[in-house]
PDB file of N, CA and C in Angstrom:
ATOM      1  N   MET A   1      57.930-103.936  80.681  1.00  0.00           N
ATOM      2  CA  MET A   1      57.805-102.501  80.593  1.00  0.00           C
ATOM      3  C   MET A   1      56.355-102.096  80.807  1.00  0.00           C
ATOM      4  N   SER A   2      56.173-100.928  81.301  1.00  0.00           N
ATOM      5  CA  SER A   2      54.810-100.438  81.460  1.00  0.00           C
ATOM      6  C   SER A   2      54.569 -99.318  80.452  1.00  0.00           C
ATOM      7  N   TYR A   3      53.380 -99.285  79.947  1.00  0.00           N
ATOM      8  CA  TYR A   3      52.981 -98.302  78.955  1.00  0.00           C
ATOM      9  C   TYR A   3      51.676 -97.668  79.411  1.00  0.00           C
ATOM     10  N   CYS A   4      51.368 -96.523  78.812  1.00  0.00           N
ATOM     11  CA  CYS A   4      50.068 -95.901  79.054  1.00  0.00           C
ATOM     12  C   CYS A   4      49.458 -95.594  77.686  1.00  0.00           C
ATOM     13  N   PRO A   5      48.151 -95.394  77.631  1.00  0.00           N
ATOM     14  CA  PRO A   5      47.500 -95.164  76.332  1.00  0.00           C
ATOM     15  C   PRO A   5      48.130 -94.033  75.528  1.00  0.00           C
ATOM     16  N   ALA A   6      48.632 -92.996  76.180  1.00  0.00           N
ATOM     17  CA  ALA A   6      49.232 -91.869  75.454  1.00  0.00           C
ATOM     18  C   ALA A   6      50.517 -92.261  74.729  1.00  0.00           C
ATOM     19  N   ASP A   7      51.157 -93.360  75.135  1.00  0.00           N
ATOM     20  CA  ASP A   7      52.369 -93.825  74.460  1.00  0.00           C
ATOM     21  C   ASP A   7      52.076 -94.326  73.048  1.00  0.00           C
ATOM     22  N   LEU A   8      50.869 -94.785  72.806  1.00  0.00           N
ATOM     23  CA  LEU A   8      50.486 -95.331  71.506  1.00  0.00           C
ATOM     24  C   LEU A   8      50.083 -94.164  70.608  1.00  0.00           C
ATOM     25  N   ASP A   9      51.082 -93.564  69.955  1.00  0.00           N
ATOM     26  CA  ASP A   9      50.842 -92.337  69.200  1.00  0.00           C
ATOM     27  C   ASP A   9      51.155 -92.444  67.707  1.00  0.00           C
ATOM     28  N   GLU A  10      51.334 -93.653  67.208  1.00  0.00           N
ATOM     29  CA  GLU A  10      51.597 -93.886  65.786  1.00  0.00           C
ATOM     30  C   GLU A  10      50.494 -94.775  65.216  1.00  0.00           C
ATOM     31  N   LEU A  11      50.052 -94.486  63.990  1.00  0.00           N
ATOM     32  CA  LEU A  11      49.041 -95.329  63.345  1.00  0.00           C
ATOM     33  C   LEU A  11      49.720 -96.365  62.462  1.00  0.00           C
ATOM     34  N   ILE A  12      49.330 -97.626  62.632  1.00  0.00           N
ATOM     35  CA  ILE A  12      49.835 -98.718  61.807  1.00  0.00           C
ATOM     36  C   ILE A  12      48.654 -99.457  61.188  1.00  0.00           C
ATOM     37  N   THR A  13      48.955-100.272  60.191  1.00  0.00           N
ATOM     38  CA  THR A  13      47.967-101.155  59.571  1.00  0.00           C
ATOM     39  C   THR A  13      48.525-102.565  59.619  1.00  0.00           C
ATOM     40  N   ILE A  14      47.681-103.542  59.927  1.00  0.00           N
ATOM     41  CA  ILE A  14      48.104-104.939  60.031  1.00  0.00           C
ATOM     42  C   ILE A  14      47.420-105.727  58.914  1.00  0.00           C
ATOM     43  N   SER A  15      48.226-106.457  58.132  1.00  0.00           N
ATOM     44  CA  SER A  15      47.707-107.218  56.994  1.00  0.00           C
ATOM     45  C   SER A  15      48.155-108.668  57.055  1.00  0.00           C
ATOM     46  N   LYS A  16      47.351-109.531  56.413  1.00  0.00           N
ATOM     47  CA  LYS A  16      47.699-110.948  56.328  1.00  0.00           C
ATOM     48  C   LYS A  16      47.854-111.333  54.861  1.00  0.00           C
ATOM     49  N   PRO A  17      48.665-112.366  54.586  1.00  0.00           N
ATOM     50  CA  PRO A  17      48.854-112.785  53.200  1.00  0.00           C
ATOM     51  C   PRO A  17      47.675-113.619  52.707  1.00  0.00           C
ATOM     52  N   ILE A  18      47.302-113.412  51.459  1.00  0.00           N
ATOM     53  CA  ILE A  18      46.288-114.212  50.786  1.00  0.00           C
ATOM     54  C   ILE A  18      46.981-114.832  49.568  1.00  0.00           C
ATOM     55  N   TYR A  19      46.994-116.154  49.506  1.00  0.00           N
ATOM     56  CA  TYR A  19      47.680-116.854  48.429  1.00  0.00           C
ATOM     57  C   TYR A  19      46.676-117.307  47.375  1.00  0.00           C
ATOM     58  N   SER A  20      47.061-117.167  46.097  1.00  0.00           N
ATOM     59  CA  SER A  20      46.218-117.634  45.000  1.00  0.00           C
ATOM     60  C   SER A  20      47.099-118.299  43.948  1.00  0.00           C
ATOM     61  N   ASP A  21      46.522-119.206  43.196  1.00  0.00           N
ATOM     62  CA  ASP A  21      47.236-119.929  42.146  1.00  0.00           C
ATOM     63  C   ASP A  21      47.599-118.957  41.033  1.00  0.00           C
ATOM     64  N   ASP A  22      48.853-118.990  40.595  1.00  0.00           N
ATOM     65  CA  ASP A  22      49.266-118.076  39.535  1.00  0.00           C
ATOM     66  C   ASP A  22      49.092-118.671  38.140  1.00  0.00           C
ATOM     67  N   GLY A  23      48.603-119.906  38.049  1.00  0.00           N
ATOM     68  CA  GLY A  23      48.375-120.539  36.756  1.00  0.00           C
ATOM     69  C   GLY A  23      49.595-121.218  36.174  1.00  0.00           C
ATOM     70  N   TYR A  24      50.717-121.125  36.859  1.00  0.00           N
ATOM     71  CA  TYR A  24      51.957-121.724  36.376  1.00  0.00           C
ATOM     72  C   TYR A  24      52.560-122.676  37.407  1.00  0.00           C
ATOM     73  N   GLY A  25      51.760-123.123  38.344  1.00  0.00           N
ATOM     74  CA  GLY A  25      52.237-124.037  39.377  1.00  0.00           C
ATOM     75  C   GLY A  25      52.772-123.346  40.617  1.00  0.00           C
ATOM     76  N   GLY A  26      52.712-122.058  40.643  1.00  0.00           N
ATOM     77  CA  GLY A  26      53.181-121.297  41.804  1.00  0.00           C
ATOM     78  C   GLY A  26      52.033-120.550  42.462  1.00  0.00           C
ATOM     79  N   GLN A  27      52.384-119.618  43.309  1.00  0.00           N
ATOM     80  CA  GLN A  27      51.370-118.846  44.013  1.00  0.00           C
ATOM     81  C   GLN A  27      51.684-117.361  43.957  1.00  0.00           C
ATOM     82  N   ASP A  28      50.641-116.569  43.852  1.00  0.00           N
ATOM     83  CA  ASP A  28      50.744-115.122  43.990  1.00  0.00           C
ATOM     84  C   ASP A  28      50.318-114.766  45.401  1.00  0.00           C
ATOM     85  N   VAL A  29      50.910-113.724  45.937  1.00  0.00           N
ATOM     86  CA  VAL A  29      50.559-113.267  47.279  1.00  0.00           C
ATOM     87  C   VAL A  29      50.011-111.847  47.186  1.00  0.00           C
ATOM     88  N   THR A  30      48.852-111.647  47.787  1.00  0.00           N
ATOM     89  CA  THR A  30      48.312-110.306  47.962  1.00  0.00           C
ATOM     90  C   THR A  30      48.110-110.107  49.456  1.00  0.00           C
ATOM     91  N   TRP A  31      48.032-108.869  49.872  1.00  0.00           N
ATOM     92  CA  TRP A  31      47.904-108.575  51.299  1.00  0.00           C
ATOM     93  C   TRP A  31      46.541-107.982  51.575  1.00  0.00           C
ATOM     94  N   GLN A  32      45.883-108.507  52.604  1.00  0.00           N
ATOM     95  CA  GLN A  32      44.552-108.055  52.998  1.00  0.00           C
ATOM     96  C   GLN A  32      44.603-107.554  54.434  1.00  0.00           C
ATOM     97  N   VAL A  33      44.083-106.352  54.638  1.00  0.00           N
ATOM     98  CA  VAL A  33      44.028-105.794  55.984  1.00  0.00           C
ATOM     99  C   VAL A  33      43.094-106.661  56.822  1.00  0.00           C
ATOM    100  N   ILE A  34      43.559-107.069  58.003  1.00  0.00           N
ATOM    101  CA  ILE A  34      42.735-107.909  58.863  1.00  0.00           C
ATOM    102  C   ILE A  34      41.614-107.085  59.485  1.00  0.00           C
ATOM    103  N   GLU A  35      40.602-107.779  59.982  1.00  0.00           N
ATOM    104  CA  GLU A  35      39.504-107.107  60.658  1.00  0.00           C
ATOM    105  C   GLU A  35      40.068-106.329  61.850  1.00  0.00           C
ATOM    106  N   ASN A  36      39.666-105.100  61.976  1.00  0.00           N
ATOM    107  CA  ASN A  36      40.166-104.195  63.025  1.00  0.00           C
ATOM    108  C   ASN A  36      41.679-103.988  62.915  1.00  0.00           C
ATOM    109  N   GLY A  37      42.224-104.104  61.695  1.00  0.00           N
ATOM    110  CA  GLY A  37      43.659-103.932  61.493  1.00  0.00           C
ATOM    111  C   GLY A  37      44.031-102.614  60.853  1.00  0.00           C
ATOM    112  N   LYS A  38      43.044-101.802  60.513  1.00  0.00           N
ATOM    113  CA  LYS A  38      43.296-100.505  59.894  1.00  0.00           C
ATOM    114  C   LYS A  38      43.339 -99.439  60.982  1.00  0.00           C
ATOM    115  N   ASP A  39      44.316 -98.565  60.906  1.00  0.00           N
ATOM    116  CA  ASP A  39      44.465 -97.463  61.854  1.00  0.00           C
ATOM    117  C   ASP A  39      44.523 -97.951  63.309  1.00  0.00           C
ATOM    118  N   VAL A  40      45.465 -98.834  63.571  1.00  0.00           N
ATOM    119  CA  VAL A  40      45.713 -99.334  64.922  1.00  0.00           C
ATOM    120  C   VAL A  40      46.743 -98.413  65.574  1.00  0.00           C
ATOM    121  N   TRP A  41      46.439 -97.941  66.774  1.00  0.00           N
ATOM    122  CA  TRP A  41      47.387 -97.087  67.487  1.00  0.00           C
ATOM    123  C   TRP A  41      48.493 -97.944  68.098  1.00  0.00           C
ATOM    124  N   ALA A  42      49.734 -97.496  67.920  1.00  0.00           N
ATOM    125  CA  ALA A  42      50.880 -98.259  68.391  1.00  0.00           C
ATOM    126  C   ALA A  42      51.998 -97.320  68.833  1.00  0.00           C
ATOM    127  N   LYS A  43      52.902 -97.882  69.591  1.00  0.00           N
ATOM    128  CA  LYS A  43      54.153 -97.204  69.926  1.00  0.00           C
ATOM    129  C   LYS A  43      55.235 -97.910  69.128  1.00  0.00           C
ATOM    130  N   ALA A  44      56.044 -97.163  68.390  1.00  0.00           N
ATOM    131  CA  ALA A  44      57.122 -97.739  67.590  1.00  0.00           C
ATOM    132  C   ALA A  44      58.452 -97.446  68.267  1.00  0.00           C
ATOM    133  N   VAL A  45      59.210 -98.506  68.544  1.00  0.00           N
ATOM    134  CA  VAL A  45      60.499 -98.364  69.225  1.00  0.00           C
ATOM    135  C   VAL A  45      61.573 -99.004  68.348  1.00  0.00           C
ATOM    136  N   ALA A  46      62.560 -98.211  67.933  1.00  0.00           N
ATOM    137  CA  ALA A  46      63.671 -98.745  67.143  1.00  0.00           C
ATOM    138  C   ALA A  46      64.540 -99.621  68.035  1.00  0.00           C
ATOM    139  N   LEU A  47      64.852-100.830  67.559  1.00  0.00           N
ATOM    140  CA  LEU A  47      65.687-101.752  68.331  1.00  0.00           C
ATOM    141  C   LEU A  47      67.098-101.839  67.775  1.00  0.00           C
ATOM    142  N   SER A  48      67.217-102.072  66.470  1.00  0.00           N
ATOM    143  CA  SER A  48      68.537-102.202  65.866  1.00  0.00           C
ATOM    144  C   SER A  48      68.425-102.049  64.358  1.00  0.00           C
ATOM    145  N   GLY A  49      69.567-101.917  63.738  1.00  0.00           N
ATOM    146  CA  GLY A  49      69.622-101.819  62.285  1.00  0.00           C
ATOM    147  C   GLY A  49      70.947-102.357  61.808  1.00  0.00           C
ATOM    148  N   GLY A  50      70.988-102.687  60.548  1.00  0.00           N
ATOM    149  CA  GLY A  50      72.226-103.221  60.021  1.00  0.00           C
ATOM    150  C   GLY A  50      72.260-103.145  58.518  1.00  0.00           C
ATOM    151  N   GLU A  51      73.436-103.428  57.987  1.00  0.00           N
ATOM    152  CA  GLU A  51      73.638-103.388  56.554  1.00  0.00           C
ATOM    153  C   GLU A  51      74.529-104.561  56.181  1.00  0.00           C
ATOM    154  N   SER A  52      74.189-105.209  55.064  1.00  0.00           N
ATOM    155  CA  SER A  52      75.005-106.312  54.577  1.00  0.00           C
ATOM    156  C   SER A  52      75.091-106.234  53.067  1.00  0.00           C
ATOM    157  N   SER A  53      76.071-106.929  52.519  1.00  0.00           N
ATOM    158  CA  SER A  53      76.253-106.951  51.075  1.00  0.00           C
ATOM    159  C   SER A  53      76.104-108.382  50.594  1.00  0.00           C
ATOM    160  N   ASP A  54      75.322-108.545  49.542  1.00  0.00           N
ATOM    161  CA  ASP A  54      75.081-109.875  49.000  1.00  0.00           C
ATOM    162  C   ASP A  54      75.018-109.762  47.480  1.00  0.00           C
ATOM    163  N   HIS A  55      75.983-110.364  46.788  1.00  0.00           N
ATOM    164  CA  HIS A  55      76.028-110.350  45.322  1.00  0.00           C
ATOM    165  C   HIS A  55      75.972-108.923  44.775  1.00  0.00           C
ATOM    166  N   ASN A  56      76.844-108.080  45.263  1.00  0.00           N
ATOM    167  CA  ASN A  56      76.959-106.683  44.841  1.00  0.00           C
ATOM    168  C   ASN A  56      75.709-105.859  45.108  1.00  0.00           C
ATOM    169  N   LYS A  57      74.917-106.270  46.070  1.00  0.00           N
ATOM    170  CA  LYS A  57      73.724-105.525  46.452  1.00  0.00           C
ATOM    171  C   LYS A  57      73.796-105.249  47.953  1.00  0.00           C
ATOM    172  N   VAL A  58      73.528-104.020  48.335  1.00  0.00           N
ATOM    173  CA  VAL A  58      73.542-103.658  49.741  1.00  0.00           C
ATOM    174  C   VAL A  58      72.133-103.832  50.301  1.00  0.00           C
ATOM    175  N   ASN A  59      72.032-104.574  51.394  1.00  0.00           N
ATOM    176  CA  ASN A  59      70.750-104.794  52.058  1.00  0.00           C
ATOM    177  C   ASN A  59      70.795-104.135  53.423  1.00  0.00           C
ATOM    178  N   ASP A  60      69.752-103.382  53.723  1.00  0.00           N
ATOM    179  CA  ASP A  60      69.687-102.799  55.062  1.00  0.00           C
ATOM    180  C   ASP A  60      68.424-103.293  55.757  1.00  0.00           C
ATOM    181  N   THR A  61      68.550-103.573  57.028  1.00  0.00           N
ATOM    182  CA  THR A  61      67.419-104.057  57.812  1.00  0.00           C
ATOM    183  C   THR A  61      67.296-103.207  59.072  1.00  0.00           C
ATOM    184  N   HIS A  62      66.077-103.091  59.545  1.00  0.00           N
ATOM    185  CA  HIS A  62      65.795-102.342  60.759  1.00  0.00           C
ATOM    186  C   HIS A  62      64.792-103.122  61.586  1.00  0.00           C
ATOM    187  N   ASN A  63      65.100-103.320  62.840  1.00  0.00           N
ATOM    188  CA  ASN A  63      64.215-104.043  63.742  1.00  0.00           C
ATOM    189  C   ASN A  63      63.493-103.054  64.658  1.00  0.00           C
ATOM    190  N   TYR A  64      62.194-103.264  64.790  1.00  0.00           N
ATOM    191  CA  TYR A  64      61.358-102.399  65.619  1.00  0.00           C
ATOM    192  C   TYR A  64      60.496-103.230  66.543  1.00  0.00           C
ATOM    193  N   ARG A  65      60.105-102.621  67.632  1.00  0.00           N
ATOM    194  CA  ARG A  65      59.086-103.183  68.513  1.00  0.00           C
ATOM    195  C   ARG A  65      57.865-102.283  68.380  1.00  0.00           C
ATOM    196  N   PHE A  66      56.734-102.884  68.045  1.00  0.00           N
ATOM    197  CA  PHE A  66      55.473-102.159  67.979  1.00  0.00           C
ATOM    198  C   PHE A  66      54.630-102.599  69.168  1.00  0.00           C
ATOM    199  N   VAL A  67      54.260-101.658  69.998  1.00  0.00           N
ATOM    200  CA  VAL A  67      53.434-101.948  71.167  1.00  0.00           C
ATOM    201  C   VAL A  67      52.004-101.562  70.815  1.00  0.00           C
ATOM    202  N   VAL A  68      51.098-102.526  70.931  1.00  0.00           N
ATOM    203  CA  VAL A  68      49.681-102.312  70.623  1.00  0.00           C
ATOM    204  C   VAL A  68      48.845-102.802  71.796  1.00  0.00           C
ATOM    205  N   ARG A  69      47.585-102.439  71.802  1.00  0.00           N
ATOM    206  CA  ARG A  69      46.665-103.016  72.789  1.00  0.00           C
ATOM    207  C   ARG A  69      46.650-104.523  72.581  1.00  0.00           C
ATOM    208  N   ASN A  70      46.553-105.271  73.650  1.00  0.00           N
ATOM    209  CA  ASN A  70      46.594-106.724  73.573  1.00  0.00           C
ATOM    210  C   ASN A  70      45.463-107.235  72.675  1.00  0.00           C
ATOM    211  N   ARG A  71      45.813-108.150  71.794  1.00  0.00           N
ATOM    212  CA  ARG A  71      44.854-108.758  70.874  1.00  0.00           C
ATOM    213  C   ARG A  71      45.340-110.158  70.556  1.00  0.00           C
ATOM    214  N   ASP A  72      44.426-111.026  70.127  1.00  0.00           N
ATOM    215  CA  ASP A  72      44.803-112.423  69.869  1.00  0.00           C
ATOM    216  C   ASP A  72      44.704-112.808  68.399  1.00  0.00           C
ATOM    217  N   ASP A  73      44.633-111.844  67.496  1.00  0.00           N
ATOM    218  CA  ASP A  73      44.462-112.164  66.081  1.00  0.00           C
ATOM    219  C   ASP A  73      45.720-111.921  65.250  1.00  0.00           C
ATOM    220  N   LEU A  74      46.887-111.849  65.873  1.00  0.00           N
ATOM    221  CA  LEU A  74      48.137-111.626  65.151  1.00  0.00           C
ATOM    222  C   LEU A  74      48.968-112.899  65.110  1.00  0.00           C
ATOM    223  N   ASP A  75      49.730-113.060  64.024  1.00  0.00           N
ATOM    224  CA  ASP A  75      50.697-114.150  63.960  1.00  0.00           C
ATOM    225  C   ASP A  75      51.888-113.711  63.109  1.00  0.00           C
ATOM    226  N   GLU A  76      52.911-114.557  63.067  1.00  0.00           N
ATOM    227  CA  GLU A  76      54.172-114.210  62.418  1.00  0.00           C
ATOM    228  C   GLU A  76      54.120-114.226  60.893  1.00  0.00           C
ATOM    229  N   THR A  77      52.994-114.585  60.288  1.00  0.00           N
ATOM    230  CA  THR A  77      52.882-114.525  58.826  1.00  0.00           C
ATOM    231  C   THR A  77      52.434-113.144  58.360  1.00  0.00           C
ATOM    232  N   MET A  78      52.047-112.295  59.277  1.00  0.00           N
ATOM    233  CA  MET A  78      51.466-110.998  58.937  1.00  0.00           C
ATOM    234  C   MET A  78      52.535-109.913  58.825  1.00  0.00           C
ATOM    235  N   LYS A  79      52.082-108.755  58.358  1.00  0.00           N
ATOM    236  CA  LYS A  79      52.988-107.603  58.272  1.00  0.00           C
ATOM    237  C   LYS A  79      52.314-106.380  58.870  1.00  0.00           C
ATOM    238  N   ILE A  80      53.156-105.444  59.258  1.00  0.00           N
ATOM    239  CA  ILE A  80      52.719-104.145  59.748  1.00  0.00           C
ATOM    240  C   ILE A  80      53.174-103.105  58.738  1.00  0.00           C
ATOM    241  N   THR A  81      52.286-102.192  58.406  1.00  0.00           N
ATOM    242  CA  THR A  81      52.655-101.065  57.555  1.00  0.00           C
ATOM    243  C   THR A  81      52.611 -99.817  58.424  1.00  0.00           C
ATOM    244  N   TRP A  82      53.736 -99.112  58.446  1.00  0.00           N
ATOM    245  CA  TRP A  82      53.851 -97.900  59.260  1.00  0.00           C
ATOM    246  C   TRP A  82      54.581 -96.848  58.446  1.00  0.00           C
ATOM    247  N   ASP A  83      53.973 -95.707  58.312  1.00  0.00           N
ATOM    248  CA  ASP A  83      54.579 -94.568  57.626  1.00  0.00           C
ATOM    249  C   ASP A  83      55.055 -94.950  56.221  1.00  0.00           C
ATOM    250  N   GLY A  84      54.271 -95.785  55.534  1.00  0.00           N
ATOM    251  CA  GLY A  84      54.580 -96.165  54.156  1.00  0.00           C
ATOM    252  C   GLY A  84      55.548 -97.319  53.996  1.00  0.00           C
ATOM    253  N   ASP A  85      56.092 -97.851  55.083  1.00  0.00           N
ATOM    254  CA  ASP A  85      57.037 -98.966  55.015  1.00  0.00           C
ATOM    255  C   ASP A  85      56.406-100.229  55.590  1.00  0.00           C
ATOM    256  N   ASP A  86      56.777-101.381  55.011  1.00  0.00           N
ATOM    257  CA  ASP A  86      56.287-102.677  55.485  1.00  0.00           C
ATOM    258  C   ASP A  86      57.291-103.314  56.431  1.00  0.00           C
ATOM    259  N   TYR A  87      56.765-103.908  57.511  1.00  0.00           N
ATOM    260  CA  TYR A  87      57.578-104.577  58.523  1.00  0.00           C
ATOM    261  C   TYR A  87      57.064-105.998  58.683  1.00  0.00           C
ATOM    262  N   ASN A  88      57.924-106.956  58.451  1.00  0.00           N
ATOM    263  CA  ASN A  88      57.586-108.364  58.588  1.00  0.00           C
ATOM    264  C   ASN A  88      57.562-108.725  60.072  1.00  0.00           C
ATOM    265  N   ILE A  89      56.432-109.224  60.560  1.00  0.00           N
ATOM    266  CA  ILE A  89      56.346-109.600  61.973  1.00  0.00           C
ATOM    267  C   ILE A  89      57.244-110.814  62.206  1.00  0.00           C
ATOM    268  N   ARG A  90      58.172-110.683  63.125  1.00  0.00           N
ATOM    269  CA  ARG A  90      59.130-111.742  63.437  1.00  0.00           C
ATOM    270  C   ARG A  90      58.796-112.496  64.717  1.00  0.00           C
ATOM    271  N   SER A  91      58.262-111.781  65.709  1.00  0.00           N
ATOM    272  CA  SER A  91      58.034-112.416  66.998  1.00  0.00           C
ATOM    273  C   SER A  91      56.891-111.726  67.728  1.00  0.00           C
ATOM    274  N   ILE A  92      56.040-112.550  68.329  1.00  0.00           N
ATOM    275  CA  ILE A  92      54.967-112.047  69.178  1.00  0.00           C
ATOM    276  C   ILE A  92      55.054-112.816  70.497  1.00  0.00           C
ATOM    277  N   PRO A  93      55.774-112.275  71.457  1.00  0.00           N
ATOM    278  CA  PRO A  93      55.909-112.969  72.739  1.00  0.00           C
ATOM    279  C   PRO A  93      54.536-113.184  73.388  1.00  0.00           C
ATOM    280  N   LYS A  94      54.369-114.349  73.960  1.00  0.00           N
ATOM    281  CA  LYS A  94      53.104-114.692  74.611  1.00  0.00           C
ATOM    282  C   LYS A  94      52.938-113.877  75.892  1.00  0.00           C
ATOM    283  N   VAL A  95      51.742-113.328  76.049  1.00  0.00           N
ATOM    284  CA  VAL A  95      51.412-112.582  77.260  1.00  0.00           C
ATOM    285  C   VAL A  95      50.076-113.086  77.786  1.00  0.00           C
ATOM    286  N   SER A  96      49.788-112.765  78.998  1.00  0.00           N
ATOM    287  CA  SER A  96      48.512-113.132  79.603  1.00  0.00           C
ATOM    288  C   SER A  96      47.365-112.481  78.834  1.00  0.00           C
ATOM    289  N   ARG A  97      46.239-113.159  78.782  1.00  0.00           N
ATOM    290  CA  ARG A  97      45.066-112.573  78.133  1.00  0.00           C
ATOM    291  C   ARG A  97      44.622-111.315  78.859  1.00  0.00           C
ATOM    292  N   ARG A  98      45.024-111.186  80.094  1.00  0.00           N
ATOM    293  CA  ARG A  98      44.646-110.013  80.884  1.00  0.00           C
ATOM    294  C   ARG A  98      45.622-108.854  80.729  1.00  0.00           C
ATOM    295  N   ALA A  99      46.747-109.086  80.051  1.00  0.00           N
ATOM    296  CA  ALA A  99      47.720-108.016  79.838  1.00  0.00           C
ATOM    297  C   ALA A  99      47.096-106.919  78.978  1.00  0.00           C
ATOM    298  N   MET A 100      47.452-105.692  79.261  1.00  0.00           N
ATOM    299  CA  MET A 100      46.866-104.574  78.527  1.00  0.00           C
ATOM    300  C   MET A 100      47.550-104.348  77.175  1.00  0.00           C
ATOM    301  N   TYR A 101      48.867-104.631  77.098  1.00  0.00           N
ATOM    302  CA  TYR A 101      49.617-104.335  75.880  1.00  0.00           C
ATOM    303  C   TYR A 101      50.348-105.570  75.365  1.00  0.00           C
ATOM    304  N   LEU A 102      50.635-105.538  74.067  1.00  0.00           N
ATOM    305  CA  LEU A 102      51.344-106.616  73.386  1.00  0.00           C
ATOM    306  C   LEU A 102      52.528-105.999  72.654  1.00  0.00           C
ATOM    307  N   GLU A 103      53.716-106.579  72.819  1.00  0.00           N
ATOM    308  CA  GLU A 103      54.916-106.100  72.144  1.00  0.00           C
ATOM    309  C   GLU A 103      55.195-107.013  70.950  1.00  0.00           C
ATOM    310  N   VAL A 104      55.141-106.447  69.751  1.00  0.00           N
ATOM    311  CA  VAL A 104      55.332-107.202  68.511  1.00  0.00           C
ATOM    312  C   VAL A 104      56.658-106.761  67.898  1.00  0.00           C
ATOM    313  N   GLU A 105      57.543-107.724  67.637  1.00  0.00           N
ATOM    314  CA  GLU A 105      58.824-107.397  67.025  1.00  0.00           C
ATOM    315  C   GLU A 105      58.727-107.638  65.519  1.00  0.00           C
ATOM    316  N   ALA A 106      59.186-106.650  64.750  1.00  0.00           N
ATOM    317  CA  ALA A 106      59.069-106.710  63.295  1.00  0.00           C
ATOM    318  C   ALA A 106      60.337-106.151  62.654  1.00  0.00           C
ATOM    319  N   GLU A 107      60.540-106.535  61.388  1.00  0.00           N
ATOM    320  CA  GLU A 107      61.759-106.159  60.684  1.00  0.00           C
ATOM    321  C   GLU A 107      61.424-105.551  59.325  1.00  0.00           C
ATOM    322  N   ARG A 108      62.064-104.445  59.020  1.00  0.00           N
ATOM    323  CA  ARG A 108      61.922-103.804  57.714  1.00  0.00           C
ATOM    324  C   ARG A 108      63.178-104.087  56.893  1.00  0.00           C
ATOM    325  N   GLY A 109      62.988-104.231  55.583  1.00  0.00           N
ATOM    326  CA  GLY A 109      64.139-104.436  54.716  1.00  0.00           C
ATOM    327  C   GLY A 109      64.347-105.878  54.330  1.00  0.00           C
ATOM    328  N   VAL A 110      63.339-106.721  54.574  1.00  0.00           N
ATOM    329  CA  VAL A 110      63.417-108.130  54.196  1.00  0.00           C
ATOM    330  C   VAL A 110      62.241-108.435  53.271  1.00  0.00           C
ATOM    331  N   ALA A 111      62.396-109.479  52.464  1.00  0.00           N
ATOM    332  CA  ALA A 111      61.311-109.880  51.578  1.00  0.00           C
ATOM    333  C   ALA A 111      60.144-110.399  52.388  1.00  0.00           C
ATOM    334  N   LEU A 112      58.945-109.988  52.013  1.00  0.00           N
ATOM    335  CA  LEU A 112      57.753-110.420  52.751  1.00  0.00           C
ATOM    336  C   LEU A 112      57.122-111.609  52.079  1.00  0.00           C
TER     337      LEU A 112
END
């Protein structure tokens, strides 16, 4: 797909997990905004959504594609925050370093 700068009209934040010892043999997770990860312009495209039931609890998920300027500091352990909701990054298809845009697939409604 081709995009133009005007298509990137939504602000997102990109964060990475920071793990620390919880003192009981486990780990606590906090989220830290990555360098140049605050107020990133993106295009948000809804891909799909669904609902499931598990142990008398209804779970809903929504898959989105976030298009951002090409960058090499993202990975699938990170999350995107958009409009107050967190999206777990699921896939970052490899593109040429010369490509102008990067399409990041993320899912809302899952544990991060």
